[in-house]
Amino acid sequence: MNLERWIKRQTKKKKENKLTSTQLIAFGFLAVILLGTVLLMLPCMNRSGQWTPFVDALFMATTSVCVTGLSLVNVYQYWTLPGQMVILILIQIGGIGVVALATLFFMIMGKKVTLKSRLLLQESYNTNSLAGLVRMTRRILFGIAVIEGIGAVLYCLQFIPQYGVLRGIWISVFNSVSAFCNAGMDVMGGDSLAAYVTNPFINMITMSLIVLGGIGFFVWWDVIDVARKWRKTGIRNCAGKLNLHTKIVLVTTTALILIGAFFIFLLEYTNPDTLGRLSLGGKIQAALFQSVTTRTAGFSSVNQAELRESSALISMILMFIGGSPVGTAGGVKTVTIALIGACTISVVKGEKEAIVFRRTIPRETINRALAVFFISACALVLMVLLMSIAQEAPLLTIVYEVVSALATVGLSRNFTAMLNPAAKLIIIFCMYIGRIGPISMVIAFRIKGRKKNKISYPQEEVIVG
């Protein structure tokens, strides 16, 4: 009898000691970051031929894997071609996701994707079902390759005549991957895309890649699947066939881009350091690009430090919201904001449930959205406080940098290069939790062993507001 109890106790301990799916994903990103750090420290990776300091290499590896784009140095001027290639690979891994990449490796090797791997995919994609995940992963990886390939070819039309064949191709490939993965880094050696602020060709390619990467992988295939049926159902009925998630993402994304562009256009219209010196068409392009790039992309066509405080506030709001779930973007996500908005409207109307597009949103989903928003807001306040203690700078500059790091955006008011070692570590931590998600961070590293409370307590009203 004692032997049986001992065996049961040992089996229970083994189960408790196993890493959860969320923890495996968090540690997977951490492992890739540390490997990238070691590689980037090597003398052959930079043009000086000396060892890169550990913190600086860690910063670069983190900003690459977390597809943020904040950089302490000019990527082209500091890193050699091997170093740039390592950075590009880290960006691609961060954009695709560690779990999806591992699944691709298993499929290439001809090995069966195990149930554990499927559970990891489920956690990575934040879905409620295991059905079709491997097939979906295959479609996602194929879609990424096609979109990045098309982006690179289109970029070549501009960059090969400008930089020559070899460097033009390299810049095109790097920019395409960086834009789609919402990383915002480039190897042109200039001030990001400031030289192309009025170039509609480069603007449209970059914005398209950013939006396609940021709206989420599930949205692609839902739109494609519905579009294939438009001949039978008609164009008018296509919208009704889309999933609720896709509708929310498309409507919210479009609204945020247009509203953000409108306010930036209005507020920066007479600012000679940003939009003021441009023609009307140039102003519209620059305002639209700024609105799109704040959706966690990080490319800039105007100097962020020259934005007026009101425009910087609009940009920070857009950065905090970020892109959409199951994509390459960061932030609290468009769906989170949309659901909180729907919940607020239902309360104002006196309705018991949140309704979106004639569909009732489950209470658990609303609670998760509120938790994501609250934890993200708390993380933002805490990191701003720590940054204010670690390094003296104008509060707006600090908040802009922290929001950019937490939302994995990569825009900066020329502050990143000025960071001291303590501030660098804070920003590194911000980028890391921004990539895996603040709520996932809490779940991954919470203390085990506490049993779920199965007791139901009586309700009692409290005063709110």
Protein backbone atom coordinates (compact mmCIF):
# COMPACT_ATOMS: atom_id res chain seq x y z
CA MET A 1 0.00 0.00 0.00
CA ASN A 2 2.80 2.40 0.91
CA LEU A 3 4.62 1.49 -2.31
CA GLU A 4 1.53 2.36 -4.39
CA ARG A 5 1.21 5.73 -2.65
CA TRP A 6 4.89 6.45 -3.23
CA ILE A 7 4.57 5.63 -6.96
CA LYS A 8 1.49 7.86 -7.29
CA ARG A 9 3.29 10.67 -5.44
CA GLN A 10 6.35 10.39 -7.71
CA THR A 11 4.17 10.32 -10.85
CA LYS A 12 2.35 13.43 -9.66
CA LYS A 13 5.64 15.22 -9.00
CA LYS A 14 6.89 14.40 -12.50
CA LYS A 15 3.75 15.86 -14.02
CA GLU A 16 4.08 19.00 -11.91
CA ASN A 17 7.74 19.41 -12.87
CA LYS A 18 7.01 19.29 -16.60
CA LEU A 19 7.11 22.62 -18.40
CA THR A 20 3.78 23.95 -19.65
CA SER A 21 3.26 24.91 -23.30
CA THR A 22 3.48 28.61 -22.41
CA GLN A 23 6.75 28.06 -20.57
CA LEU A 24 8.22 26.08 -23.47
CA ILE A 25 7.38 28.93 -25.87
CA ALA A 26 8.84 31.55 -23.52
CA PHE A 27 12.04 29.55 -22.98
CA GLY A 28 12.21 28.77 -26.71
CA PHE A 29 12.41 32.48 -27.53
CA LEU A 30 14.92 32.97 -24.72
CA ALA A 31 17.13 30.16 -26.06
CA VAL A 32 17.15 31.68 -29.57
CA ILE A 33 17.99 35.10 -28.09
CA LEU A 34 20.94 33.70 -26.12
CA LEU A 35 22.25 31.82 -29.16
CA GLY A 36 21.96 34.98 -31.25
CA THR A 37 23.78 36.92 -28.54
CA VAL A 38 26.74 34.54 -28.61
CA LEU A 39 26.97 34.74 -32.41
CA LEU A 40 26.72 38.53 -32.52
CA MET A 41 29.46 38.89 -29.92
CA LEU A 42 32.02 37.33 -32.30
CA PRO A 43 34.60 39.74 -33.80
CA CYS A 44 33.78 38.63 -37.36
CA MET A 45 30.23 39.89 -36.97
CA ASN A 46 31.12 43.59 -36.76
CA ARG A 47 33.29 45.91 -38.85
CA SER A 48 35.66 46.83 -35.99
CA GLY A 49 36.87 43.21 -35.69
CA GLN A 50 36.53 43.31 -31.90
CA TRP A 51 34.25 41.49 -29.48
CA THR A 52 30.87 43.16 -29.12
CA PRO A 53 29.98 43.77 -25.44
CA PHE A 54 27.57 41.19 -24.06
CA VAL A 55 24.78 43.66 -23.22
CA ASP A 56 24.96 45.26 -26.68
CA ALA A 57 24.88 41.86 -28.41
CA LEU A 58 22.02 40.77 -26.15
CA PHE A 59 20.13 43.95 -27.01
CA MET A 60 20.56 43.35 -30.75
CA ALA A 61 19.61 39.68 -30.51
CA THR A 62 16.52 40.51 -28.45
CA THR A 63 15.33 43.31 -30.76
CA SER A 64 15.76 40.94 -33.72
CA VAL A 65 14.03 37.86 -32.28
CA CYS A 66 11.30 40.00 -30.74
CA VAL A 67 10.94 41.78 -34.12
CA THR A 68 11.12 45.15 -32.41
CA GLY A 69 13.69 47.13 -34.40
CA LEU A 70 15.22 49.32 -31.70
CA SER A 71 18.97 49.43 -32.32
CA LEU A 72 21.92 50.88 -30.44
CA VAL A 73 23.95 51.26 -33.65
CA ASN A 74 23.40 51.65 -37.37
CA VAL A 75 22.87 48.08 -38.63
CA TYR A 76 24.68 48.60 -41.93
CA GLN A 77 27.58 50.63 -40.58
CA TYR A 78 28.33 48.46 -37.53
CA TRP A 79 27.58 44.87 -38.57
CA THR A 80 29.37 42.97 -41.33
CA LEU A 81 27.49 40.88 -43.90
CA PRO A 82 27.66 37.74 -41.68
CA GLY A 83 26.36 39.82 -38.77
CA GLN A 84 23.53 41.20 -40.90
CA MET A 85 22.68 37.66 -42.02
CA VAL A 86 22.46 36.49 -38.40
CA ILE A 87 20.19 39.43 -37.62
CA LEU A 88 17.97 38.60 -40.61
CA ILE A 89 17.69 34.95 -39.55
CA LEU A 90 16.77 36.01 -36.01
CA ILE A 91 14.11 38.36 -37.40
CA GLN A 92 12.67 35.56 -39.53
CA ILE A 93 12.61 33.15 -36.58
CA GLY A 94 10.92 35.77 -34.42
CA GLY A 95 8.36 36.57 -37.11
CA ILE A 96 7.46 32.97 -37.90
CA GLY A 97 7.64 31.82 -34.30
CA VAL A 98 9.87 29.25 -32.63
CA VAL A 99 7.15 26.58 -32.48
CA ALA A 100 6.10 26.94 -36.13
CA LEU A 101 9.75 26.81 -37.20
CA ALA A 102 10.34 23.65 -35.18
CA THR A 103 7.24 22.11 -36.77
CA LEU A 104 8.63 22.98 -40.20
CA PHE A 105 11.88 21.23 -39.29
CA PHE A 106 10.01 18.07 -38.27
CA MET A 107 8.00 18.12 -41.50
CA ILE A 108 11.17 18.53 -43.62
CA MET A 109 12.80 15.65 -41.76
CA GLY A 110 9.74 13.53 -42.46
CA LYS A 111 8.96 13.05 -38.78
CA LYS A 112 5.45 12.87 -37.38
CA VAL A 113 4.24 15.96 -35.52
CA THR A 114 3.47 14.69 -32.02
CA LEU A 115 0.53 15.62 -29.82
CA LYS A 116 2.89 17.69 -27.65
CA SER A 117 3.96 19.68 -30.70
CA ARG A 118 0.33 20.19 -31.65
CA LEU A 119 -0.42 21.48 -28.15
CA LEU A 120 2.48 23.92 -28.50
CA LEU A 121 1.07 25.10 -31.83
CA GLN A 122 -2.32 25.53 -30.20
CA GLU A 123 -0.79 27.67 -27.45
CA SER A 124 1.32 29.59 -29.94
CA TYR A 125 -1.67 30.38 -32.17
CA ASN A 126 -4.00 30.85 -29.18
CA THR A 127 -6.71 28.64 -30.70
CA ASN A 128 -9.33 26.48 -29.02
CA SER A 129 -8.95 23.42 -31.25
CA LEU A 130 -6.18 21.05 -32.31
CA ALA A 131 -7.88 20.24 -35.60
CA GLY A 132 -5.98 21.26 -38.74
CA LEU A 133 -3.11 23.00 -36.93
CA VAL A 134 -0.35 21.25 -38.87
CA ARG A 135 -2.06 21.96 -42.18
CA MET A 136 -2.59 25.56 -41.11
CA THR A 137 1.09 25.86 -40.17
CA ARG A 138 2.09 24.54 -43.59
CA ARG A 139 -0.16 27.10 -45.28
CA ILE A 140 1.17 29.91 -43.09
CA LEU A 141 4.80 29.11 -43.85
CA PHE A 142 4.05 28.88 -47.57
CA GLY A 143 2.19 32.19 -47.45
CA ILE A 144 5.07 33.88 -45.65
CA ALA A 145 7.56 32.66 -48.26
CA VAL A 146 5.36 33.88 -51.13
CA ILE A 147 4.61 37.32 -49.65
CA GLU A 148 8.22 37.99 -48.63
CA GLY A 149 9.40 36.78 -52.04
CA ILE A 150 7.02 39.10 -53.89
CA GLY A 151 8.04 41.98 -51.61
CA ALA A 152 11.73 41.36 -52.30
CA VAL A 153 11.19 41.25 -56.09
CA LEU A 154 9.24 44.53 -56.02
CA TYR A 155 11.88 46.20 -53.85
CA CYS A 156 14.54 45.10 -56.36
CA LEU A 157 12.94 47.34 -58.99
CA GLN A 158 13.92 50.33 -56.84
CA PHE A 159 17.07 49.21 -55.05
CA ILE A 160 19.03 47.42 -57.81
CA PRO A 161 19.23 50.53 -60.04
CA GLN A 162 20.10 52.58 -56.97
CA TYR A 163 22.62 50.33 -55.16
CA GLY A 164 23.76 47.83 -57.79
CA VAL A 165 22.80 44.20 -58.31
CA LEU A 166 24.26 42.38 -55.29
CA ARG A 167 23.67 45.03 -52.65
CA GLY A 168 20.31 45.93 -54.19
CA ILE A 169 19.13 42.31 -53.89
CA TRP A 170 20.40 42.05 -50.30
CA ILE A 171 18.66 45.29 -49.27
CA SER A 172 15.46 44.12 -50.97
CA VAL A 173 15.46 40.74 -49.22
CA PHE A 174 16.33 42.26 -45.83
CA ASN A 175 13.69 44.99 -46.11
CA SER A 176 11.00 42.56 -47.27
CA VAL A 177 11.56 40.18 -44.34
CA SER A 178 11.94 43.07 -41.89
CA ALA A 179 8.75 44.79 -43.09
CA PHE A 180 6.62 41.64 -43.15
CA CYS A 181 7.86 40.55 -39.71
CA ASN A 182 7.20 44.10 -38.45
CA ALA A 183 10.86 44.44 -37.35
CA GLY A 184 11.56 47.83 -38.95
CA MET A 185 15.31 47.40 -39.43
CA ASP A 186 17.17 48.07 -42.68
CA VAL A 187 20.68 47.79 -44.11
CA MET A 188 20.67 50.92 -46.26
CA GLY A 189 22.80 52.91 -43.83
CA GLY A 190 20.55 55.98 -43.78
CA ASP A 191 17.70 57.32 -41.67
CA SER A 192 15.35 54.39 -42.23
CA LEU A 193 12.99 55.26 -45.12
CA ALA A 194 13.22 59.05 -44.73
CA ALA A 195 14.72 59.35 -48.23
CA TYR A 196 11.55 57.70 -49.65
CA VAL A 197 8.99 59.76 -47.74
CA THR A 198 7.31 60.84 -51.00
CA ASN A 199 8.06 57.68 -52.99
CA PRO A 200 4.64 56.02 -53.51
CA PHE A 201 6.20 52.77 -54.80
CA ILE A 202 8.33 52.13 -51.69
CA ASN A 203 5.60 53.40 -49.38
CA MET A 204 2.95 51.09 -50.83
CA ILE A 205 5.20 48.00 -50.80
CA THR A 206 6.32 48.62 -47.22
CA MET A 207 2.85 49.41 -45.89
CA SER A 208 1.37 46.37 -47.64
CA LEU A 209 3.98 44.06 -46.10
CA ILE A 210 3.46 45.60 -42.66
CA VAL A 211 -0.32 45.23 -42.81
CA LEU A 212 -0.19 41.68 -44.21
CA GLY A 213 2.17 40.62 -41.43
CA GLY A 214 0.20 42.44 -38.75
CA ILE A 215 -3.38 41.36 -39.47
CA GLY A 216 -2.68 37.76 -38.49
CA PHE A 217 -2.23 34.52 -40.37
CA PHE A 218 -5.76 33.19 -39.81
CA VAL A 219 -7.25 36.29 -41.44
CA TRP A 220 -5.34 35.62 -44.68
CA TRP A 221 -6.79 32.19 -45.23
CA ASP A 222 -10.27 33.13 -44.15
CA VAL A 223 -10.33 35.96 -46.71
CA ILE A 224 -8.82 33.69 -49.40
CA ASP A 225 -11.27 30.87 -48.70
CA VAL A 226 -14.23 33.25 -48.88
CA ALA A 227 -12.86 34.98 -52.00
CA ARG A 228 -12.73 31.63 -53.79
CA LYS A 229 -16.48 31.29 -53.33
CA TRP A 230 -17.42 34.80 -54.47
CA ARG A 231 -18.54 33.60 -57.93
CA LYS A 232 -21.15 31.37 -56.34
CA THR A 233 -22.31 33.61 -53.51
CA GLY A 234 -21.70 37.03 -55.08
CA ILE A 235 -19.54 39.86 -53.83
CA ARG A 236 -22.24 41.23 -51.53
CA ASN A 237 -22.50 37.95 -49.64
CA CYS A 238 -18.72 37.49 -49.25
CA ALA A 239 -18.45 39.73 -46.20
CA GLY A 240 -21.14 37.74 -44.43
CA LYS A 241 -19.18 34.52 -44.93
CA LEU A 242 -16.12 35.80 -43.08
CA ASN A 243 -15.43 34.61 -39.54
CA LEU A 244 -16.22 37.03 -36.72
CA HIS A 245 -12.51 37.26 -35.86
CA THR A 246 -11.68 38.31 -39.43
CA LYS A 247 -14.42 40.95 -39.49
CA ILE A 248 -13.24 42.48 -36.22
CA VAL A 249 -9.59 42.52 -37.38
CA LEU A 250 -10.30 44.06 -40.79
CA VAL A 251 -12.71 46.71 -39.52
CA THR A 252 -10.59 47.69 -36.51
CA THR A 253 -7.33 47.73 -38.49
CA THR A 254 -8.82 49.91 -41.24
CA ALA A 255 -10.40 52.29 -38.74
CA LEU A 256 -7.20 52.70 -36.71
CA ILE A 257 -5.05 53.32 -39.80
CA LEU A 258 -7.42 55.94 -41.23
CA ILE A 259 -8.09 57.67 -37.90
CA GLY A 260 -4.37 57.71 -37.05
CA ALA A 261 -3.45 59.09 -40.48
CA PHE A 262 -6.13 61.79 -40.23
CA PHE A 263 -4.91 63.09 -36.86
CA ILE A 264 -1.23 62.94 -37.81
CA PHE A 265 -1.99 64.78 -41.07
CA LEU A 266 -3.95 67.42 -39.17
CA LEU A 267 -1.47 67.88 -36.31
CA GLU A 268 1.73 67.82 -38.40
CA TYR A 269 0.42 69.74 -41.42
CA THR A 270 2.35 72.91 -40.61
CA ASN A 271 5.34 71.30 -38.84
CA PRO A 272 8.36 72.15 -41.05
CA ASP A 273 10.42 69.34 -39.48
CA THR A 274 7.98 66.59 -40.51
CA LEU A 275 5.10 67.14 -42.96
CA GLY A 276 5.17 70.91 -43.34
CA ARG A 277 7.76 71.01 -46.15
CA LEU A 278 6.00 68.35 -48.27
CA SER A 279 3.39 68.74 -50.99
CA LEU A 280 -0.23 67.77 -50.27
CA GLY A 281 0.32 64.33 -51.78
CA GLY A 282 3.52 63.93 -49.79
CA LYS A 283 1.76 64.93 -46.58
CA ILE A 284 -0.93 62.30 -47.14
CA GLN A 285 1.68 59.62 -47.85
CA ALA A 286 3.78 60.50 -44.81
CA ALA A 287 0.75 60.64 -42.48
CA LEU A 288 -0.56 57.31 -43.75
CA PHE A 289 2.89 55.70 -43.44
CA GLN A 290 3.30 56.98 -39.87
CA SER A 291 -0.10 55.56 -38.93
CA VAL A 292 0.73 52.17 -40.47
CA THR A 293 4.29 51.91 -39.10
CA THR A 294 3.13 52.57 -35.53
CA ARG A 295 1.23 49.28 -35.80
CA THR A 296 4.50 47.70 -34.52
CA ALA A 297 6.50 48.00 -37.78
CA GLY A 298 9.25 50.46 -36.77
CA PHE A 299 10.19 51.94 -40.15
CA SER A 300 10.08 55.71 -40.19
CA SER A 301 9.80 58.22 -43.03
CA VAL A 302 9.84 61.25 -40.68
CA ASN A 303 12.01 62.01 -37.66
CA GLN A 304 10.12 60.79 -34.58
CA ALA A 305 11.93 63.27 -32.34
CA GLU A 306 10.48 66.16 -34.38
CA LEU A 307 6.86 65.08 -33.97
CA ARG A 308 4.72 67.42 -31.93
CA GLU A 309 3.69 66.14 -28.52
CA SER A 310 0.09 65.64 -29.64
CA SER A 311 1.24 63.55 -32.64
CA ALA A 312 3.60 61.57 -30.40
CA LEU A 313 0.63 60.81 -28.13
CA ILE A 314 -1.43 59.55 -31.08
CA SER A 315 1.53 57.43 -32.18
CA MET A 316 1.93 55.94 -28.70
CA ILE A 317 -1.77 55.02 -28.56
CA LEU A 318 -1.48 53.27 -31.93
CA MET A 319 1.71 51.52 -30.80
CA PHE A 320 0.11 50.32 -27.57
CA ILE A 321 -2.83 48.84 -29.49
CA GLY A 322 -0.51 47.27 -32.07
CA GLY A 323 -1.52 44.67 -34.65
CA SER A 324 -3.78 41.63 -34.58
CA PRO A 325 -3.52 38.18 -32.95
CA VAL A 326 -1.58 35.30 -34.54
CA GLY A 327 0.58 37.58 -36.64
CA THR A 328 3.99 39.24 -36.51
CA ALA A 329 2.82 42.37 -34.69
CA GLY A 330 2.89 43.20 -30.99
CA GLY A 331 0.78 45.40 -28.72
CA VAL A 332 -2.41 44.50 -26.86
CA LYS A 333 -3.94 43.70 -30.27
CA THR A 334 -6.85 45.13 -32.23
CA VAL A 335 -9.29 42.42 -31.16
CA THR A 336 -8.62 43.16 -27.49
CA ILE A 337 -9.48 46.84 -27.94
CA ALA A 338 -12.52 46.03 -30.07
CA LEU A 339 -13.92 43.63 -27.45
CA ILE A 340 -13.32 46.07 -24.60
CA GLY A 341 -15.07 48.73 -26.67
CA ALA A 342 -18.00 46.38 -27.34
CA CYS A 343 -18.21 45.53 -23.63
CA THR A 344 -18.23 49.24 -22.73
CA ILE A 345 -21.01 49.95 -25.24
CA SER A 346 -23.09 47.08 -23.84
CA VAL A 347 -22.76 48.51 -20.32
CA VAL A 348 -23.77 51.99 -21.49
CA LYS A 349 -26.79 50.55 -23.30
CA GLY A 350 -27.74 48.48 -20.28
CA GLU A 351 -27.28 45.19 -22.12
CA LYS A 352 -26.09 42.09 -20.29
CA GLU A 353 -23.82 40.79 -23.05
CA ALA A 354 -21.33 42.25 -25.53
CA ILE A 355 -22.60 42.00 -29.10
CA VAL A 356 -20.33 42.30 -32.17
CA PHE A 357 -21.69 41.85 -35.69
CA ARG A 358 -24.82 40.19 -34.26
CA ARG A 359 -22.75 37.67 -32.33
CA THR A 360 -22.55 37.37 -28.54
CA ILE A 361 -18.98 37.37 -27.21
CA PRO A 362 -18.39 34.80 -24.42
CA ARG A 363 -17.76 36.28 -20.99
CA GLU A 364 -14.46 34.37 -20.71
CA THR A 365 -13.18 36.06 -23.88
CA ILE A 366 -14.13 39.50 -22.54
CA ASN A 367 -12.39 38.72 -19.25
CA ARG A 368 -9.23 37.68 -21.11
CA ALA A 369 -9.28 40.90 -23.14
CA LEU A 370 -9.62 42.95 -19.95
CA ALA A 371 -6.78 40.99 -18.33
CA VAL A 372 -4.48 41.53 -21.33
CA PHE A 373 -5.20 45.27 -21.33
CA PHE A 374 -4.80 45.67 -17.56
CA ILE A 375 -1.57 43.66 -17.30
CA SER A 376 -0.10 45.49 -20.31
CA ALA A 377 -1.02 48.86 -18.83
CA CYS A 378 0.53 47.89 -15.47
CA ALA A 379 3.70 46.69 -17.22
CA LEU A 380 3.89 49.98 -19.11
CA VAL A 381 3.58 52.09 -15.95
CA LEU A 382 6.13 49.96 -14.08
CA MET A 383 8.69 50.02 -16.92
CA VAL A 384 8.31 53.79 -17.37
CA LEU A 385 8.95 54.24 -13.65
CA LEU A 386 12.06 52.02 -13.77
CA MET A 387 13.37 53.81 -16.87
CA SER A 388 12.86 57.19 -15.21
CA ILE A 389 14.99 55.97 -12.29
CA ALA A 390 17.63 54.33 -14.49
CA GLN A 391 18.25 57.26 -16.83
CA GLU A 392 17.35 60.94 -16.89
CA ALA A 393 15.50 62.11 -19.99
CA PRO A 394 12.29 63.97 -20.87
CA LEU A 395 9.27 61.95 -19.76
CA LEU A 396 7.77 61.93 -23.27
CA THR A 397 10.99 60.45 -24.67
CA ILE A 398 11.06 57.73 -22.00
CA VAL A 399 7.40 56.80 -22.41
CA TYR A 400 7.79 56.71 -26.21
CA GLU A 401 10.77 54.35 -25.90
CA VAL A 402 9.08 52.03 -23.40
CA VAL A 403 5.81 51.84 -25.36
CA SER A 404 7.82 51.13 -28.51
CA ALA A 405 9.70 48.31 -26.77
CA LEU A 406 6.68 46.75 -25.05
CA ALA A 407 4.65 46.82 -28.25
CA THR A 408 7.67 45.58 -30.27
CA VAL A 409 7.45 48.62 -32.57
CA GLY A 410 11.01 49.94 -32.87
CA LEU A 411 10.31 53.67 -33.23
CA SER A 412 12.43 55.97 -31.10
CA ARG A 413 12.87 59.69 -30.49
CA ASN A 414 16.64 59.29 -31.05
CA PHE A 415 16.99 57.90 -27.53
CA THR A 416 18.04 54.26 -28.01
CA ALA A 417 21.71 55.01 -28.74
CA MET A 418 21.91 57.07 -25.51
CA LEU A 419 20.81 54.27 -23.17
CA ASN A 420 23.09 53.36 -20.26
CA PRO A 421 23.62 49.69 -19.29
CA ALA A 422 20.75 49.64 -16.76
CA ALA A 423 18.35 51.27 -19.21
CA LYS A 424 19.41 48.80 -21.92
CA LEU A 425 18.50 45.86 -19.68
CA ILE A 426 15.09 47.39 -18.94
CA ILE A 427 14.36 47.84 -22.65
CA ILE A 428 15.59 44.28 -23.35
CA PHE A 429 13.11 42.97 -20.76
CA CYS A 430 10.35 45.14 -22.27
CA MET A 431 10.99 43.72 -25.75
CA TYR A 432 10.99 40.16 -24.46
CA ILE A 433 7.72 40.36 -22.54
CA GLY A 434 6.26 42.35 -25.43
CA ARG A 435 6.98 39.49 -27.84
CA ILE A 436 5.61 36.63 -25.75
CA GLY A 437 2.86 38.80 -24.26
CA PRO A 438 2.59 40.17 -20.69
CA ILE A 439 -0.24 37.81 -19.76
CA SER A 440 1.68 34.83 -21.18
CA MET A 441 4.69 35.98 -19.18
CA VAL A 442 2.64 35.91 -15.97
CA ILE A 443 1.18 32.49 -16.80
CA ALA A 444 4.58 31.05 -17.79
CA PHE A 445 6.38 32.07 -14.63
CA ARG A 446 3.63 31.82 -12.03
CA ILE A 447 4.31 29.63 -9.01
CA LYS A 448 3.09 26.06 -9.37
CA GLY A 449 1.49 23.92 -6.74
CA ARG A 450 -1.43 26.17 -5.89
CA LYS A 451 -4.67 24.27 -6.37
CA LYS A 452 -7.57 25.85 -8.22
CA ASN A 453 -10.30 27.08 -5.95
CA LYS A 454 -13.42 24.97 -6.56
CA ILE A 455 -15.47 26.67 -3.86
CA SER A 456 -18.30 28.89 -5.08
CA TYR A 457 -18.83 31.98 -2.89
CA PRO A 458 -22.01 34.07 -2.62
CA GLN A 459 -22.31 37.24 -4.71
CA GLU A 460 -22.42 40.74 -3.25
CA GLU A 461 -22.77 44.08 -5.04
CA VAL A 462 -20.11 46.82 -4.82
CA ILE A 463 -20.20 50.45 -5.98
CA VAL A 464 -18.37 51.14 -9.26
CA GLY A 465 -17.70 54.52 -10.88
